[in-house]
Amino acid sequence: MKNNLLFDFIVDKDKNTLTIKREFAAPRQLVWDAYTKSELLNQWFAPKPMTTKTKSMDFSEGGHWIYAMIDPDGTEYWGRMDYVKINPIEYYSGLDGFCDENGNLNPDLPRAVWDVSFIDKGEPL
């Protein structure tokens, strides 16, 4: 069976941005939950063969998610997402960066700005 769901991965080196557009054969609420609930994020967030574990998560404006991506050998790479703006089931923005296991950001590394929108197919972007 062929998968006809959209998956675009666009790199703009001049603007230093990645734009990812992806369709899911699922209701918007379920996709929103997969991005905003740690027990679901832990199931898919890290690229295979790595896994994800959440230390703490407060999905609210001003809250944060502290998580680790773990290599098969057990090496942990810690990250912190600070949530800036949330419009439930439609949009959230945040700042993601590398940190230690206590959530202290590494000041020597840049942070990524995340703007994540959830749109039903057929709605304008």
PDB file of N, CA and C in Angstrom:
ATOM      1  N   MET A   1       0.838  -1.175   0.000  1.00  0.00           N
ATOM      2  CA  MET A   1       0.000   0.000   0.000  1.00  0.00           C
ATOM      3  C   MET A   1       0.885   1.241   0.000  1.00  0.00           C
ATOM      4  N   LYS A   2       0.637   2.158  -0.906  1.00  0.00           N
ATOM      5  CA  LYS A   2       1.428   3.371  -1.023  1.00  0.00           C
ATOM      6  C   LYS A   2       0.902   4.443  -0.077  1.00  0.00           C
ATOM      7  N   ASN A   3       1.816   5.133   0.565  1.00  0.00           N
ATOM      8  CA  ASN A   3       1.476   6.220   1.472  1.00  0.00           C
ATOM      9  C   ASN A   3       1.485   7.524   0.685  1.00  0.00           C
ATOM     10  N   ASN A   4       0.349   8.176   0.556  1.00  0.00           N
ATOM     11  CA  ASN A   4       0.254   9.433  -0.181  1.00  0.00           C
ATOM     12  C   ASN A   4       0.193  10.645   0.738  1.00  0.00           C
ATOM     13  N   LEU A   5       0.591  10.496   1.992  1.00  0.00           N
ATOM     14  CA  LEU A   5       0.565  11.617   2.924  1.00  0.00           C
ATOM     15  C   LEU A   5       1.780  12.517   2.700  1.00  0.00           C
ATOM     16  N   LEU A   6       1.549  13.805   2.756  1.00  0.00           N
ATOM     17  CA  LEU A   6       2.590  14.810   2.531  1.00  0.00           C
ATOM     18  C   LEU A   6       3.685  14.721   3.592  1.00  0.00           C
ATOM     19  N   PHE A   7       4.941  14.807   3.143  1.00  0.00           N
ATOM     20  CA  PHE A   7       6.078  14.959   4.047  1.00  0.00           C
ATOM     21  C   PHE A   7       7.132  15.766   3.309  1.00  0.00           C
ATOM     22  N   ASP A   8       7.142  17.088   3.553  1.00  0.00           N
ATOM     23  CA  ASP A   8       8.124  17.988   2.948  1.00  0.00           C
ATOM     24  C   ASP A   8       9.128  18.412   4.010  1.00  0.00           C
ATOM     25  N   PHE A   9      10.406  18.400   3.644  1.00  0.00           N
ATOM     26  CA  PHE A   9      11.496  18.809   4.522  1.00  0.00           C
ATOM     27  C   PHE A   9      12.305  19.830   3.738  1.00  0.00           C
ATOM     28  N   ILE A  10      12.137  21.120   4.068  1.00  0.00           N
ATOM     29  CA  ILE A  10      12.717  22.201   3.277  1.00  0.00           C
ATOM     30  C   ILE A  10      13.807  22.906   4.084  1.00  0.00           C
ATOM     31  N   VAL A  11      14.994  22.994   3.500  1.00  0.00           N
ATOM     32  CA  VAL A  11      16.129  23.652   4.137  1.00  0.00           C
ATOM     33  C   VAL A  11      16.386  24.977   3.428  1.00  0.00           C
ATOM     34  N   ASP A  12      16.444  26.074   4.189  1.00  0.00           N
ATOM     35  CA  ASP A  12      16.791  27.388   3.660  1.00  0.00           C
ATOM     36  C   ASP A  12      18.053  27.844   4.377  1.00  0.00           C
ATOM     37  N   LYS A  13      19.198  27.607   3.745  1.00  0.00           N
ATOM     38  CA  LYS A  13      20.481  27.938   4.369  1.00  0.00           C
ATOM     39  C   LYS A  13      20.662  29.440   4.539  1.00  0.00           C
ATOM     40  N   ASP A  14      20.111  30.248   3.628  1.00  0.00           N
ATOM     41  CA  ASP A  14      20.227  31.706   3.742  1.00  0.00           C
ATOM     42  C   ASP A  14      19.518  32.226   4.986  1.00  0.00           C
ATOM     43  N   LYS A  15      18.360  31.672   5.297  1.00  0.00           N
ATOM     44  CA  LYS A  15      17.586  32.111   6.459  1.00  0.00           C
ATOM     45  C   LYS A  15      17.862  31.255   7.691  1.00  0.00           C
ATOM     46  N   ASN A  16      18.684  30.212   7.510  1.00  0.00           N
ATOM     47  CA  ASN A  16      19.031  29.305   8.607  1.00  0.00           C
ATOM     48  C   ASN A  16      17.774  28.691   9.227  1.00  0.00           C
ATOM     49  N   THR A  17      16.883  28.170   8.342  1.00  0.00           N
ATOM     50  CA  THR A  17      15.629  27.593   8.816  1.00  0.00           C
ATOM     51  C   THR A  17      15.368  26.215   8.203  1.00  0.00           C
ATOM     52  N   LEU A  18      14.597  25.442   8.926  1.00  0.00           N
ATOM     53  CA  LEU A  18      14.032  24.194   8.422  1.00  0.00           C
ATOM     54  C   LEU A  18      12.520  24.361   8.474  1.00  0.00           C
ATOM     55  N   THR A  19      11.854  23.973   7.411  1.00  0.00           N
ATOM     56  CA  THR A  19      10.395  23.954   7.395  1.00  0.00           C
ATOM     57  C   THR A  19       9.971  22.526   7.099  1.00  0.00           C
ATOM     58  N   ILE A  20       9.193  21.974   8.000  1.00  0.00           N
ATOM     59  CA  ILE A  20       8.728  20.600   7.839  1.00  0.00           C
ATOM     60  C   ILE A  20       7.207  20.637   7.775  1.00  0.00           C
ATOM     61  N   LYS A  21       6.664  20.072   6.712  1.00  0.00           N
ATOM     62  CA  LYS A  21       5.219  19.951   6.564  1.00  0.00           C
ATOM     63  C   LYS A  21       4.907  18.470   6.489  1.00  0.00           C
ATOM     64  N   ARG A  22       3.955  18.036   7.319  1.00  0.00           N
ATOM     65  CA  ARG A  22       3.665  16.617   7.394  1.00  0.00           C
ATOM     66  C   ARG A  22       2.185  16.394   7.607  1.00  0.00           C
ATOM     67  N   GLU A  23       1.652  15.440   6.874  1.00  0.00           N
ATOM     68  CA  GLU A  23       0.261  15.036   7.053  1.00  0.00           C
ATOM     69  C   GLU A  23       0.208  13.736   7.840  1.00  0.00           C
ATOM     70  N   PHE A  24      -0.816  13.618   8.664  1.00  0.00           N
ATOM     71  CA  PHE A  24      -1.051  12.406   9.422  1.00  0.00           C
ATOM     72  C   PHE A  24      -2.468  11.929   9.167  1.00  0.00           C
ATOM     73  N   ALA A  25      -2.655  10.639   9.082  1.00  0.00           N
ATOM     74  CA  ALA A  25      -3.994  10.052   8.935  1.00  0.00           C
ATOM     75  C   ALA A  25      -4.574   9.860  10.332  1.00  0.00           C
ATOM     76  N   ALA A  26      -4.821  10.992  10.998  1.00  0.00           N
ATOM     77  CA  ALA A  26      -5.300  10.975  12.373  1.00  0.00           C
ATOM     78  C   ALA A  26      -6.026  12.286  12.655  1.00  0.00           C
ATOM     79  N   PRO A  27      -6.924  12.287  13.616  1.00  0.00           N
ATOM     80  CA  PRO A  27      -7.583  13.539  13.995  1.00  0.00           C
ATOM     81  C   PRO A  27      -6.578  14.532  14.581  1.00  0.00           C
ATOM     82  N   ARG A  28      -6.849  15.817  14.384  1.00  0.00           N
ATOM     83  CA  ARG A  28      -5.935  16.859  14.869  1.00  0.00           C
ATOM     84  C   ARG A  28      -5.686  16.724  16.373  1.00  0.00           C
ATOM     85  N   GLN A  29      -6.703  16.422  17.159  1.00  0.00           N
ATOM     86  CA  GLN A  29      -6.529  16.295  18.617  1.00  0.00           C
ATOM     87  C   GLN A  29      -5.486  15.236  18.960  1.00  0.00           C
ATOM     88  N   LEU A  30      -5.501  14.111  18.258  1.00  0.00           N
ATOM     89  CA  LEU A  30      -4.535  13.048  18.520  1.00  0.00           C
ATOM     90  C   LEU A  30      -3.118  13.492  18.160  1.00  0.00           C
ATOM     91  N   VAL A  31      -2.959  14.188  17.046  1.00  0.00           N
ATOM     92  CA  VAL A  31      -1.635  14.678  16.649  1.00  0.00           C
ATOM     93  C   VAL A  31      -1.149  15.720  17.666  1.00  0.00           C
ATOM     94  N   TRP A  32      -2.038  16.625  18.075  1.00  0.00           N
ATOM     95  CA  TRP A  32      -1.700  17.616  19.110  1.00  0.00           C
ATOM     96  C   TRP A  32      -1.203  16.904  20.373  1.00  0.00           C
ATOM     97  N   ASP A  33      -1.948  15.888  20.806  1.00  0.00           N
ATOM     98  CA  ASP A  33      -1.550  15.148  22.008  1.00  0.00           C
ATOM     99  C   ASP A  33      -0.175  14.510  21.844  1.00  0.00           C
ATOM    100  N   ALA A  34       0.122  14.001  20.656  1.00  0.00           N
ATOM    101  CA  ALA A  34       1.415  13.347  20.409  1.00  0.00           C
ATOM    102  C   ALA A  34       2.574  14.329  20.530  1.00  0.00           C
ATOM    103  N   TYR A  35       2.316  15.612  20.317  1.00  0.00           N
ATOM    104  CA  TYR A  35       3.350  16.646  20.425  1.00  0.00           C
ATOM    105  C   TYR A  35       3.397  17.315  21.790  1.00  0.00           C
ATOM    106  N   THR A  36       2.358  17.125  22.610  1.00  0.00           N
ATOM    107  CA  THR A  36       2.253  17.931  23.828  1.00  0.00           C
ATOM    108  C   THR A  36       2.128  17.117  25.108  1.00  0.00           C
ATOM    109  N   LYS A  37       2.141  15.812  25.019  1.00  0.00           N
ATOM    110  CA  LYS A  37       2.060  14.953  26.205  1.00  0.00           C
ATOM    111  C   LYS A  37       3.310  14.085  26.256  1.00  0.00           C
ATOM    112  N   SER A  38       4.012  14.145  27.385  1.00  0.00           N
ATOM    113  CA  SER A  38       5.313  13.474  27.482  1.00  0.00           C
ATOM    114  C   SER A  38       5.217  11.974  27.247  1.00  0.00           C
ATOM    115  N   GLU A  39       4.148  11.329  27.721  1.00  0.00           N
ATOM    116  CA  GLU A  39       4.063   9.877  27.543  1.00  0.00           C
ATOM    117  C   GLU A  39       3.958   9.491  26.071  1.00  0.00           C
ATOM    118  N   LEU A  40       3.450  10.395  25.234  1.00  0.00           N
ATOM    119  CA  LEU A  40       3.405  10.149  23.786  1.00  0.00           C
ATOM    120  C   LEU A  40       4.693  10.603  23.113  1.00  0.00           C
ATOM    121  N   LEU A  41       5.220  11.765  23.502  1.00  0.00           N
ATOM    122  CA  LEU A  41       6.501  12.231  22.955  1.00  0.00           C
ATOM    123  C   LEU A  41       7.605  11.198  23.159  1.00  0.00           C
ATOM    124  N   ASN A  42       7.596  10.560  24.318  1.00  0.00           N
ATOM    125  CA  ASN A  42       8.621   9.559  24.619  1.00  0.00           C
ATOM    126  C   ASN A  42       8.594   8.392  23.636  1.00  0.00           C
ATOM    127  N   GLN A  43       7.467   8.169  22.983  1.00  0.00           N
ATOM    128  CA  GLN A  43       7.331   7.039  22.068  1.00  0.00           C
ATOM    129  C   GLN A  43       7.891   7.316  20.671  1.00  0.00           C
ATOM    130  N   TRP A  44       8.104   8.611  20.300  1.00  0.00           N
ATOM    131  CA  TRP A  44       8.480   8.875  18.910  1.00  0.00           C
ATOM    132  C   TRP A  44       9.497   9.993  18.702  1.00  0.00           C
ATOM    133  N   PHE A  45       9.768  10.831  19.675  1.00  0.00           N
ATOM    134  CA  PHE A  45      10.505  12.068  19.426  1.00  0.00           C
ATOM    135  C   PHE A  45      11.939  11.855  18.926  1.00  0.00           C
ATOM    136  N   ALA A  46      12.683  10.964  19.522  1.00  0.00           N
ATOM    137  CA  ALA A  46      14.086  10.755  19.130  1.00  0.00           C
ATOM    138  C   ALA A  46      14.166   9.967  17.826  1.00  0.00           C
ATOM    139  N   PRO A  47      15.163  10.299  16.988  1.00  0.00           N
ATOM    140  CA  PRO A  47      15.348   9.506  15.767  1.00  0.00           C
ATOM    141  C   PRO A  47      15.840   8.101  16.124  1.00  0.00           C
ATOM    142  N   LYS A  48      15.326   7.104  15.418  1.00  0.00           N
ATOM    143  CA  LYS A  48      15.753   5.718  15.655  1.00  0.00           C
ATOM    144  C   LYS A  48      17.226   5.580  15.304  1.00  0.00           C
ATOM    145  N   PRO A  49      17.993   4.839  16.034  1.00  0.00           N
ATOM    146  CA  PRO A  49      17.620   3.869  17.069  1.00  0.00           C
ATOM    147  C   PRO A  49      17.589   4.464  18.478  1.00  0.00           C
ATOM    148  N   MET A  50      17.640   5.795  18.590  1.00  0.00           N
ATOM    149  CA  MET A  50      17.608   6.423  19.910  1.00  0.00           C
ATOM    150  C   MET A  50      16.200   6.337  20.505  1.00  0.00           C
ATOM    151  N   THR A  51      16.129   6.556  21.816  1.00  0.00           N
ATOM    152  CA  THR A  51      14.853   6.639  22.512  1.00  0.00           C
ATOM    153  C   THR A  51      14.794   7.969  23.260  1.00  0.00           C
ATOM    154  N   THR A  52      13.616   8.328  23.722  1.00  0.00           N
ATOM    155  CA  THR A  52      13.415   9.576  24.463  1.00  0.00           C
ATOM    156  C   THR A  52      12.907   9.254  25.856  1.00  0.00           C
ATOM    157  N   LYS A  53      13.380  10.022  26.842  1.00  0.00           N
ATOM    158  CA  LYS A  53      12.780   9.951  28.175  1.00  0.00           C
ATOM    159  C   LYS A  53      12.579  11.379  28.675  1.00  0.00           C
ATOM    160  N   THR A  54      11.487  11.584  29.352  1.00  0.00           N
ATOM    161  CA  THR A  54      11.155  12.883  29.921  1.00  0.00           C
ATOM    162  C   THR A  54      11.534  12.909  31.391  1.00  0.00           C
ATOM    163  N   LYS A  55      12.241  13.958  31.799  1.00  0.00           N
ATOM    164  CA  LYS A  55      12.515  14.169  33.224  1.00  0.00           C
ATOM    165  C   LYS A  55      11.366  14.955  33.840  1.00  0.00           C
ATOM    166  N   SER A  56      10.936  16.018  33.151  1.00  0.00           N
ATOM    167  CA  SER A  56       9.798  16.810  33.629  1.00  0.00           C
ATOM    168  C   SER A  56       9.186  17.537  32.442  1.00  0.00           C
ATOM    169  N   MET A  57       7.879  17.814  32.555  1.00  0.00           N
ATOM    170  CA  MET A  57       7.196  18.547  31.498  1.00  0.00           C
ATOM    171  C   MET A  57       6.066  19.367  32.099  1.00  0.00           C
ATOM    172  N   ASP A  58       6.053  20.645  31.739  1.00  0.00           N
ATOM    173  CA  ASP A  58       4.961  21.560  32.075  1.00  0.00           C
ATOM    174  C   ASP A  58       4.581  22.232  30.768  1.00  0.00           C
ATOM    175  N   PHE A  59       3.601  21.637  30.070  1.00  0.00           N
ATOM    176  CA  PHE A  59       3.187  22.197  28.786  1.00  0.00           C
ATOM    177  C   PHE A  59       2.216  23.341  29.046  1.00  0.00           C
ATOM    178  N   SER A  60       2.797  24.512  29.291  1.00  0.00           N
ATOM    179  CA  SER A  60       2.041  25.741  29.490  1.00  0.00           C
ATOM    180  C   SER A  60       2.946  26.895  29.078  1.00  0.00           C
ATOM    181  N   GLU A  61       2.343  28.054  28.779  1.00  0.00           N
ATOM    182  CA  GLU A  61       3.171  29.217  28.449  1.00  0.00           C
ATOM    183  C   GLU A  61       4.060  29.522  29.645  1.00  0.00           C
ATOM    184  N   GLY A  62       5.372  29.614  29.398  1.00  0.00           N
ATOM    185  CA  GLY A  62       6.346  29.805  30.472  1.00  0.00           C
ATOM    186  C   GLY A  62       6.850  28.499  31.064  1.00  0.00           C
ATOM    187  N   GLY A  63       6.216  27.386  30.701  1.00  0.00           N
ATOM    188  CA  GLY A  63       6.649  26.080  31.188  1.00  0.00           C
ATOM    189  C   GLY A  63       7.750  25.506  30.310  1.00  0.00           C
ATOM    190  N   HIS A  64       8.207  24.315  30.634  1.00  0.00           N
ATOM    191  CA  HIS A  64       9.285  23.698  29.858  1.00  0.00           C
ATOM    192  C   HIS A  64       9.197  22.175  29.917  1.00  0.00           C
ATOM    193  N   TRP A  65       9.897  21.578  28.974  1.00  0.00           N
ATOM    194  CA  TRP A  65      10.044  20.122  28.891  1.00  0.00           C
ATOM    195  C   TRP A  65      11.536  19.830  28.964  1.00  0.00           C
ATOM    196  N   ILE A  66      11.952  19.024  29.917  1.00  0.00           N
ATOM    197  CA  ILE A  66      13.343  18.573  30.021  1.00  0.00           C
ATOM    198  C   ILE A  66      13.346  17.092  29.661  1.00  0.00           C
ATOM    199  N   TYR A  67      14.147  16.760  28.655  1.00  0.00           N
ATOM    200  CA  TYR A  67      14.122  15.406  28.107  1.00  0.00           C
ATOM    201  C   TYR A  67      15.531  14.979  27.696  1.00  0.00           C
ATOM    202  N   ALA A  68      15.681  13.692  27.512  1.00  0.00           N
ATOM    203  CA  ALA A  68      16.947  13.150  27.008  1.00  0.00           C
ATOM    204  C   ALA A  68      16.656  12.274  25.808  1.00  0.00           C
ATOM    205  N   MET A  69      17.545  12.346  24.821  1.00  0.00           N
ATOM    206  CA  MET A  69      17.567  11.377  23.731  1.00  0.00           C
ATOM    207  C   MET A  69      18.721  10.437  24.067  1.00  0.00           C
ATOM    208  N   ILE A  70      18.441   9.147  24.012  1.00  0.00           N
ATOM    209  CA  ILE A  70      19.383   8.159  24.522  1.00  0.00           C
ATOM    210  C   ILE A  70      19.831   7.227  23.405  1.00  0.00           C
ATOM    211  N   ASP A  71      21.164   7.148  23.230  1.00  0.00           N
ATOM    212  CA  ASP A  71      21.765   6.207  22.277  1.00  0.00           C
ATOM    213  C   ASP A  71      21.552   4.782  22.771  1.00  0.00           C
ATOM    214  N   PRO A  72      21.601   3.805  21.856  1.00  0.00           N
ATOM    215  CA  PRO A  72      21.498   2.401  22.286  1.00  0.00           C
ATOM    216  C   PRO A  72      22.555   2.016  23.314  1.00  0.00           C
ATOM    217  N   ASP A  73      23.721   2.707  23.314  1.00  0.00           N
ATOM    218  CA  ASP A  73      24.759   2.392  24.300  1.00  0.00           C
ATOM    219  C   ASP A  73      24.505   3.045  25.663  1.00  0.00           C
ATOM    220  N   GLY A  74      23.402   3.831  25.772  1.00  0.00           N
ATOM    221  CA  GLY A  74      23.044   4.448  27.044  1.00  0.00           C
ATOM    222  C   GLY A  74      23.464   5.899  27.193  1.00  0.00           C
ATOM    223  N   THR A  75      24.225   6.449  26.227  1.00  0.00           N
ATOM    224  CA  THR A  75      24.623   7.853  26.298  1.00  0.00           C
ATOM    225  C   THR A  75      23.390   8.740  26.182  1.00  0.00           C
ATOM    226  N   GLU A  76      23.271   9.706  27.110  1.00  0.00           N
ATOM    227  CA  GLU A  76      22.126  10.604  27.144  1.00  0.00           C
ATOM    228  C   GLU A  76      22.509  11.985  26.627  1.00  0.00           C
ATOM    229  N   TYR A  77      21.663  12.544  25.762  1.00  0.00           N
ATOM    230  CA  TYR A  77      21.823  13.894  25.226  1.00  0.00           C
ATOM    231  C   TYR A  77      20.605  14.687  25.697  1.00  0.00           C
ATOM    232  N   TRP A  78      20.827  15.625  26.610  1.00  0.00           N
ATOM    233  CA  TRP A  78      19.736  16.333  27.256  1.00  0.00           C
ATOM    234  C   TRP A  78      19.320  17.570  26.475  1.00  0.00           C
ATOM    235  N   GLY A  79      18.007  17.834  26.492  1.00  0.00           N
ATOM    236  CA  GLY A  79      17.457  19.003  25.834  1.00  0.00           C
ATOM    237  C   GLY A  79      16.395  19.655  26.696  1.00  0.00           C
ATOM    238  N   ARG A  80      16.136  20.922  26.380  1.00  0.00           N
ATOM    239  CA  ARG A  80      15.121  21.692  27.102  1.00  0.00           C
ATOM    240  C   ARG A  80      14.326  22.514  26.103  1.00  0.00           C
ATOM    241  N   MET A  81      13.019  22.338  26.140  1.00  0.00           N
ATOM    242  CA  MET A  81      12.102  23.137  25.338  1.00  0.00           C
ATOM    243  C   MET A  81      11.361  24.073  26.281  1.00  0.00           C
ATOM    244  N   ASP A  82      11.515  25.382  26.050  1.00  0.00           N
ATOM    245  CA  ASP A  82      10.768  26.373  26.813  1.00  0.00           C
ATOM    246  C   ASP A  82       9.584  26.823  25.971  1.00  0.00           C
ATOM    247  N   TYR A  83       8.371  26.654  26.509  1.00  0.00           N
ATOM    248  CA  TYR A  83       7.156  26.999  25.763  1.00  0.00           C
ATOM    249  C   TYR A  83       6.867  28.489  25.894  1.00  0.00           C
ATOM    250  N   VAL A  84       6.728  29.161  24.750  1.00  0.00           N
ATOM    251  CA  VAL A  84       6.544  30.606  24.713  1.00  0.00           C
ATOM    252  C   VAL A  84       5.070  30.966  24.534  1.00  0.00           C
ATOM    253  N   LYS A  85       4.431  30.404  23.518  1.00  0.00           N
ATOM    254  CA  LYS A  85       3.036  30.727  23.223  1.00  0.00           C
ATOM    255  C   LYS A  85       2.309  29.442  22.867  1.00  0.00           C
ATOM    256  N   ILE A  86       1.100  29.291  23.397  1.00  0.00           N
ATOM    257  CA  ILE A  86       0.304  28.096  23.137  1.00  0.00           C
ATOM    258  C   ILE A  86      -1.127  28.522  22.811  1.00  0.00           C
ATOM    259  N   ASN A  87      -1.625  28.044  21.687  1.00  0.00           N
ATOM    260  CA  ASN A  87      -3.025  28.184  21.313  1.00  0.00           C
ATOM    261  C   ASN A  87      -3.521  26.749  21.101  1.00  0.00           C
ATOM    262  N   PRO A  88      -4.177  26.165  22.111  1.00  0.00           N
ATOM    263  CA  PRO A  88      -4.481  24.731  22.095  1.00  0.00           C
ATOM    264  C   PRO A  88      -5.107  24.210  20.798  1.00  0.00           C
ATOM    265  N   ILE A  89      -4.566  23.095  20.385  1.00  0.00           N
ATOM    266  CA  ILE A  89      -4.955  22.305  19.214  1.00  0.00           C
ATOM    267  C   ILE A  89      -4.703  23.048  17.900  1.00  0.00           C
ATOM    268  N   GLU A  90      -4.070  24.225  17.954  1.00  0.00           N
ATOM    269  CA  GLU A  90      -3.760  24.982  16.741  1.00  0.00           C
ATOM    270  C   GLU A  90      -2.277  25.302  16.583  1.00  0.00           C
ATOM    271  N   TYR A  91      -1.582  25.666  17.664  1.00  0.00           N
ATOM    272  CA  TYR A  91      -0.248  26.237  17.507  1.00  0.00           C
ATOM    273  C   TYR A  91       0.483  26.256  18.846  1.00  0.00           C
ATOM    274  N   TYR A  92       1.789  26.052  18.780  1.00  0.00           N
ATOM    275  CA  TYR A  92       2.628  26.420  19.914  1.00  0.00           C
ATOM    276  C   TYR A  92       3.985  26.865  19.385  1.00  0.00           C
ATOM    277  N   SER A  93       4.655  27.685  20.181  1.00  0.00           N
ATOM    278  CA  SER A  93       6.022  28.093  19.847  1.00  0.00           C
ATOM    279  C   SER A  93       6.887  27.861  21.077  1.00  0.00           C
ATOM    280  N   GLY A  94       8.167  27.670  20.826  1.00  0.00           N
ATOM    281  CA  GLY A  94       9.077  27.434  21.926  1.00  0.00           C
ATOM    282  C   GLY A  94      10.518  27.610  21.507  1.00  0.00           C
ATOM    283  N   LEU A  95      11.391  27.549  22.495  1.00  0.00           N
ATOM    284  CA  LEU A  95      12.834  27.629  22.283  1.00  0.00           C
ATOM    285  C   LEU A  95      13.438  26.329  22.786  1.00  0.00           C
ATOM    286  N   ASP A  96      14.162  25.640  21.910  1.00  0.00           N
ATOM    287  CA  ASP A  96      14.753  24.355  22.237  1.00  0.00           C
ATOM    288  C   ASP A  96      16.264  24.494  22.269  1.00  0.00           C
ATOM    289  N   GLY A  97      16.898  23.845  23.230  1.00  0.00           N
ATOM    290  CA  GLY A  97      18.351  23.903  23.308  1.00  0.00           C
ATOM    291  C   GLY A  97      18.916  22.724  24.082  1.00  0.00           C
ATOM    292  N   PHE A  98      20.218  22.564  23.986  1.00  0.00           N
ATOM    293  CA  PHE A  98      20.904  21.517  24.726  1.00  0.00           C
ATOM    294  C   PHE A  98      21.125  21.983  26.159  1.00  0.00           C
ATOM    295  N   CYS A  99      21.033  21.043  27.087  1.00  0.00           N
ATOM    296  CA  CYS A  99      21.195  21.371  28.499  1.00  0.00           C
ATOM    297  C   CYS A  99      21.828  20.179  29.217  1.00  0.00           C
ATOM    298  N   ASP A 100      22.013  20.350  30.532  1.00  0.00           N
ATOM    299  CA  ASP A 100      22.445  19.205  31.333  1.00  0.00           C
ATOM    300  C   ASP A 100      21.201  18.509  31.884  1.00  0.00           C
ATOM    301  N   GLU A 101      21.402  17.450  32.652  1.00  0.00           N
ATOM    302  CA  GLU A 101      20.259  16.672  33.136  1.00  0.00           C
ATOM    303  C   GLU A 101      19.367  17.436  34.115  1.00  0.00           C
ATOM    304  N   ASN A 102      19.841  18.592  34.575  1.00  0.00           N
ATOM    305  CA  ASN A 102      19.031  19.425  35.469  1.00  0.00           C
ATOM    306  C   ASN A 102      18.309  20.550  34.733  1.00  0.00           C
ATOM    307  N   GLY A 103      18.485  20.606  33.401  1.00  0.00           N
ATOM    308  CA  GLY A 103      17.807  21.635  32.620  1.00  0.00           C
ATOM    309  C   GLY A 103      18.578  22.927  32.456  1.00  0.00           C
ATOM    310  N   ASN A 104      19.830  22.965  32.907  1.00  0.00           N
ATOM    311  CA  ASN A 104      20.657  24.162  32.742  1.00  0.00           C
ATOM    312  C   ASN A 104      21.161  24.207  31.306  1.00  0.00           C
ATOM    313  N   LEU A 105      20.759  25.247  30.576  1.00  0.00           N
ATOM    314  CA  LEU A 105      21.119  25.363  29.162  1.00  0.00           C
ATOM    315  C   LEU A 105      22.615  25.522  28.962  1.00  0.00           C
ATOM    316  N   ASN A 106      23.116  24.970  27.857  1.00  0.00           N
ATOM    317  CA  ASN A 106      24.513  25.129  27.465  1.00  0.00           C
ATOM    318  C   ASN A 106      24.628  26.475  26.750  1.00  0.00           C
ATOM    319  N   PRO A 107      25.280  27.466  27.369  1.00  0.00           N
ATOM    320  CA  PRO A 107      25.358  28.803  26.768  1.00  0.00           C
ATOM    321  C   PRO A 107      26.244  28.865  25.525  1.00  0.00           C
ATOM    322  N   ASP A 108      27.039  27.823  25.281  1.00  0.00           N
ATOM    323  CA  ASP A 108      27.927  27.807  24.115  1.00  0.00           C
ATOM    324  C   ASP A 108      27.225  27.335  22.845  1.00  0.00           C
ATOM    325  N   LEU A 109      25.990  26.852  22.966  1.00  0.00           N
ATOM    326  CA  LEU A 109      25.262  26.343  21.810  1.00  0.00           C
ATOM    327  C   LEU A 109      24.009  27.182  21.564  1.00  0.00           C
ATOM    328  N   PRO A 110      23.655  27.368  20.298  1.00  0.00           N
ATOM    329  CA  PRO A 110      22.457  28.164  19.996  1.00  0.00           C
ATOM    330  C   PRO A 110      21.183  27.400  20.346  1.00  0.00           C
ATOM    331  N   ARG A 111      20.082  28.153  20.440  1.00  0.00           N
ATOM    332  CA  ARG A 111      18.768  27.551  20.658  1.00  0.00           C
ATOM    333  C   ARG A 111      17.987  27.625  19.355  1.00  0.00           C
ATOM    334  N   ALA A 112      17.092  26.683  19.183  1.00  0.00           N
ATOM    335  CA  ALA A 112      16.246  26.647  17.991  1.00  0.00           C
ATOM    336  C   ALA A 112      14.866  27.190  18.346  1.00  0.00           C
ATOM    337  N   VAL A 113      14.328  28.021  17.452  1.00  0.00           N
ATOM    338  CA  VAL A 113      12.964  28.523  17.598  1.00  0.00           C
ATOM    339  C   VAL A 113      12.039  27.544  16.899  1.00  0.00           C
ATOM    340  N   TRP A 114      11.033  27.077  17.600  1.00  0.00           N
ATOM    341  CA  TRP A 114      10.046  26.159  17.044  1.00  0.00           C
ATOM    342  C   TRP A 114       8.720  26.891  16.919  1.00  0.00           C
ATOM    343  N   ASP A 115       8.139  26.869  15.731  1.00  0.00           N
ATOM    344  CA  ASP A 115       6.783  27.348  15.481  1.00  0.00           C
ATOM    345  C   ASP A 115       6.036  26.170  14.889  1.00  0.00           C
ATOM    346  N   VAL A 116       5.103  25.586  15.655  1.00  0.00           N
ATOM    347  CA  VAL A 116       4.444  24.352  15.257  1.00  0.00           C
ATOM    348  C   VAL A 116       2.944  24.613  15.131  1.00  0.00           C
ATOM    349  N   SER A 117       2.411  24.400  13.917  1.00  0.00           N
ATOM    350  CA  SER A 117       0.989  24.613  13.645  1.00  0.00           C
ATOM    351  C   SER A 117       0.313  23.283  13.338  1.00  0.00           C
ATOM    352  N   PHE A 118      -0.944  23.173  13.741  1.00  0.00           N
ATOM    353  CA  PHE A 118      -1.757  21.967  13.510  1.00  0.00           C
ATOM    354  C   PHE A 118      -2.988  22.407  12.734  1.00  0.00           C
ATOM    355  N   ILE A 119      -3.080  21.955  11.496  1.00  0.00           N
ATOM    356  CA  ILE A 119      -4.125  22.415  10.578  1.00  0.00           C
ATOM    357  C   ILE A 119      -4.798  21.202   9.961  1.00  0.00           C
ATOM    358  N   ASP A 120      -6.116  21.208   9.938  1.00  0.00           N
ATOM    359  CA  ASP A 120      -6.834  20.139   9.240  1.00  0.00           C
ATOM    360  C   ASP A 120      -6.601  20.273   7.757  1.00  0.00           C
ATOM    361  N   LYS A 121      -6.475  19.155   7.068  1.00  0.00           N
ATOM    362  CA  LYS A 121      -6.253  19.168   5.623  1.00  0.00           C
ATOM    363  C   LYS A 121      -7.364  19.963   4.942  1.00  0.00           C
ATOM    364  N   GLY A 122      -6.959  20.828   4.027  1.00  0.00           N
ATOM    365  CA  GLY A 122      -7.916  21.683   3.330  1.00  0.00           C
ATOM    366  C   GLY A 122      -7.973  23.091   3.888  1.00  0.00           C
ATOM    367  N   GLU A 123      -7.480  23.297   5.132  1.00  0.00           N
ATOM    368  CA  GLU A 123      -7.424  24.648   5.696  1.00  0.00           C
ATOM    369  C   GLU A 123      -6.224  25.380   5.113  1.00  0.00           C
ATOM    370  N   PRO A 124      -6.318  26.709   4.919  1.00  0.00           N
ATOM    371  CA  PRO A 124      -5.152  27.460   4.420  1.00  0.00           C
ATOM    372  C   PRO A 124      -4.046  27.498   5.462  1.00  0.00           C
ATOM    373  N   LEU A 125      -2.800  27.495   4.988  1.00  0.00           N
ATOM    374  CA  LEU A 125      -1.652  27.567   5.903  1.00  0.00           C
ATOM    375  C   LEU A 125      -1.456  28.963   6.412  1.00  0.00           C
TER     376      LEU A 125
END
